[in-house]
Each structure stands twice: as C-alpha cells, then as structure tokens.
C-alpha cells in the first residue's frame, strides 16, 4: 500500500490542497503527455522572451525615430 497523502505532502513541503490541485490537473496524464506539456511550456517561454525582445527593440526604434534632428 502507498504512503498517506499527509506524509507525502509533509515530505515534499506542500499543502494537501496543492497536492489535490496537481492531482486534478495532472492525474490522468501519461508520461508522454506530461513530457509534451513540459516541452510546450519551455517553447512558450522562449517565444515570450523573443516577443519581449522584439517589442523592446521596436520601442527603442520608435523613440529614436521620434526625436527631432
């Protein structure tokens, strides 16, 4: 038989509510599905960084072009 939920939560330093939220969210996933989810999250982070960099460059160019020479 497995360990009790309270013991697992204490061991890993999480609340029971967090455990049950994760169980509800990820409980029915296979390993391949969770790996794919991780890959998508990583890719999403990279795309967000690229977008932020592009927006920063765009703002800098607009500021430069708006100045009177």
C-alpha atoms as a PDB file:
ATOM      1  CA  UNK A   1       0.000   0.000   0.000  1.00  0.00           C
ATOM      2  CA  UNK A   2       1.179   3.545  -0.707  1.00  0.00           C
ATOM      3  CA  UNK A   3       2.088   6.320   1.664  1.00  0.00           C
ATOM      4  CA  UNK A   4      -0.570   8.564   3.141  1.00  0.00           C
ATOM      5  CA  UNK A   5      -1.236  11.883   1.464  1.00  0.00           C
ATOM      6  CA  UNK A   6      -0.367  13.870   4.565  1.00  0.00           C
ATOM      7  CA  UNK A   7       3.004  12.111   4.831  1.00  0.00           C
ATOM      8  CA  UNK A   8       3.822  12.789   1.177  1.00  0.00           C
ATOM      9  CA  UNK A   9       2.859  16.437   1.493  1.00  0.00           C
ATOM     10  CA  UNK A  10       4.973  16.880   4.611  1.00  0.00           C
ATOM     11  CA  UNK A  11       7.936  15.123   2.973  1.00  0.00           C
ATOM     12  CA  UNK A  12       7.826  17.392  -0.089  1.00  0.00           C
ATOM     13  CA  UNK A  13       6.829  20.568   1.741  1.00  0.00           C
ATOM     14  CA  UNK A  14       3.490  21.170   0.016  1.00  0.00           C
ATOM     15  CA  UNK A  15      -0.035  21.565   1.316  1.00  0.00           C
ATOM     16  CA  UNK A  16      -2.745  18.972   0.824  1.00  0.00           C
ATOM     17  CA  UNK A  17      -4.664  21.495  -1.277  1.00  0.00           C
ATOM     18  CA  UNK A  18      -1.690  21.818  -3.631  1.00  0.00           C
ATOM     19  CA  UNK A  19      -1.420  18.033  -3.856  1.00  0.00           C
ATOM     20  CA  UNK A  20      -5.067  17.656  -4.793  1.00  0.00           C
ATOM     21  CA  UNK A  21      -4.915  20.539  -7.286  1.00  0.00           C
ATOM     22  CA  UNK A  22      -1.945  18.884  -9.015  1.00  0.00           C
ATOM     23  CA  UNK A  23      -3.689  15.518  -8.895  1.00  0.00           C
ATOM     24  CA  UNK A  24      -6.786  17.012 -10.527  1.00  0.00           C
ATOM     25  CA  UNK A  25      -4.696  18.771 -13.184  1.00  0.00           C
ATOM     26  CA  UNK A  26      -2.134  16.061 -13.983  1.00  0.00           C
ATOM     27  CA  UNK A  27      -3.590  12.861 -12.507  1.00  0.00           C
ATOM     28  CA  UNK A  28      -4.882  11.332 -15.744  1.00  0.00           C
ATOM     29  CA  UNK A  29      -1.802  12.053 -17.846  1.00  0.00           C
ATOM     30  CA  UNK A  30       0.595   9.513 -19.252  1.00  0.00           C
ATOM     31  CA  UNK A  31       4.331  10.146 -19.047  1.00  0.00           C
ATOM     32  CA  UNK A  32       4.456  11.078 -22.744  1.00  0.00           C
ATOM     33  CA  UNK A  33       1.677  13.631 -22.256  1.00  0.00           C
ATOM     34  CA  UNK A  34       3.445  15.248 -19.315  1.00  0.00           C
ATOM     35  CA  UNK A  35       6.723  15.366 -21.283  1.00  0.00           C
ATOM     36  CA  UNK A  36       4.907  17.043 -24.185  1.00  0.00           C
ATOM     37  CA  UNK A  37       3.343  19.535 -21.772  1.00  0.00           C
ATOM     38  CA  UNK A  38       6.818  20.358 -20.422  1.00  0.00           C
ATOM     39  CA  UNK A  39       8.151  20.825 -23.971  1.00  0.00           C
ATOM     40  CA  UNK A  40       5.271  23.152 -24.824  1.00  0.00           C
ATOM     41  CA  UNK A  41       5.812  25.176 -21.654  1.00  0.00           C
ATOM     42  CA  UNK A  42       9.529  25.539 -22.481  1.00  0.00           C
ATOM     43  CA  UNK A  43       8.755  26.562 -26.056  1.00  0.00           C
ATOM     44  CA  UNK A  44       6.150  29.038 -24.820  1.00  0.00           C
ATOM     45  CA  UNK A  45       8.711  30.614 -22.506  1.00  0.00           C
ATOM     46  CA  UNK A  46      11.200  31.002 -25.345  1.00  0.00           C
ATOM     47  CA  UNK A  47       8.551  32.571 -27.591  1.00  0.00           C
ATOM     48  CA  UNK A  48       7.525  35.005 -24.857  1.00  0.00           C
ATOM     49  CA  UNK A  49      11.158  36.057 -24.446  1.00  0.00           C
ATOM     50  CA  UNK A  50      11.551  36.565 -28.208  1.00  0.00           C
ATOM     51  CA  UNK A  51       8.379  38.654 -28.297  1.00  0.00           C
ATOM     52  CA  UNK A  52       9.517  40.781 -25.357  1.00  0.00           C
ATOM     53  CA  UNK A  53      12.893  41.388 -27.036  1.00  0.00           C
ATOM     54  CA  UNK A  54      11.212  42.332 -30.324  1.00  0.00           C
ATOM     55  CA  UNK A  55       8.826  44.712 -28.555  1.00  0.00           C
ATOM     56  CA  UNK A  56      11.740  46.324 -26.717  1.00  0.00           C
ATOM     57  CA  UNK A  57      13.639  46.790 -29.996  1.00  0.00           C
ATOM     58  CA  UNK A  58      10.513  48.228 -31.602  1.00  0.00           C
ATOM     59  CA  UNK A  59      10.029  50.714 -28.761  1.00  0.00           C
ATOM     60  CA  UNK A  60      13.673  51.764 -28.910  1.00  0.00           C
ATOM     61  CA  UNK A  61      13.438  52.373 -32.676  1.00  0.00           C
ATOM     62  CA  UNK A  62      10.238  54.384 -32.291  1.00  0.00           C
ATOM     63  CA  UNK A  63      11.881  56.525 -29.618  1.00  0.00           C
ATOM     64  CA  UNK A  64      14.923  57.092 -31.811  1.00  0.00           C
ATOM     65  CA  UNK A  65      12.881  57.994 -34.885  1.00  0.00           C
ATOM     66  CA  UNK A  66      10.562  60.329 -32.985  1.00  0.00           C
ATOM     67  CA  UNK A  67      13.409  62.645 -31.912  1.00  0.00           C
ATOM     68  CA  UNK A  68      13.919  65.862 -33.867  1.00  0.00           C
ATOM     69  CA  UNK A  69      17.293  66.142 -35.570  1.00  0.00           C
END
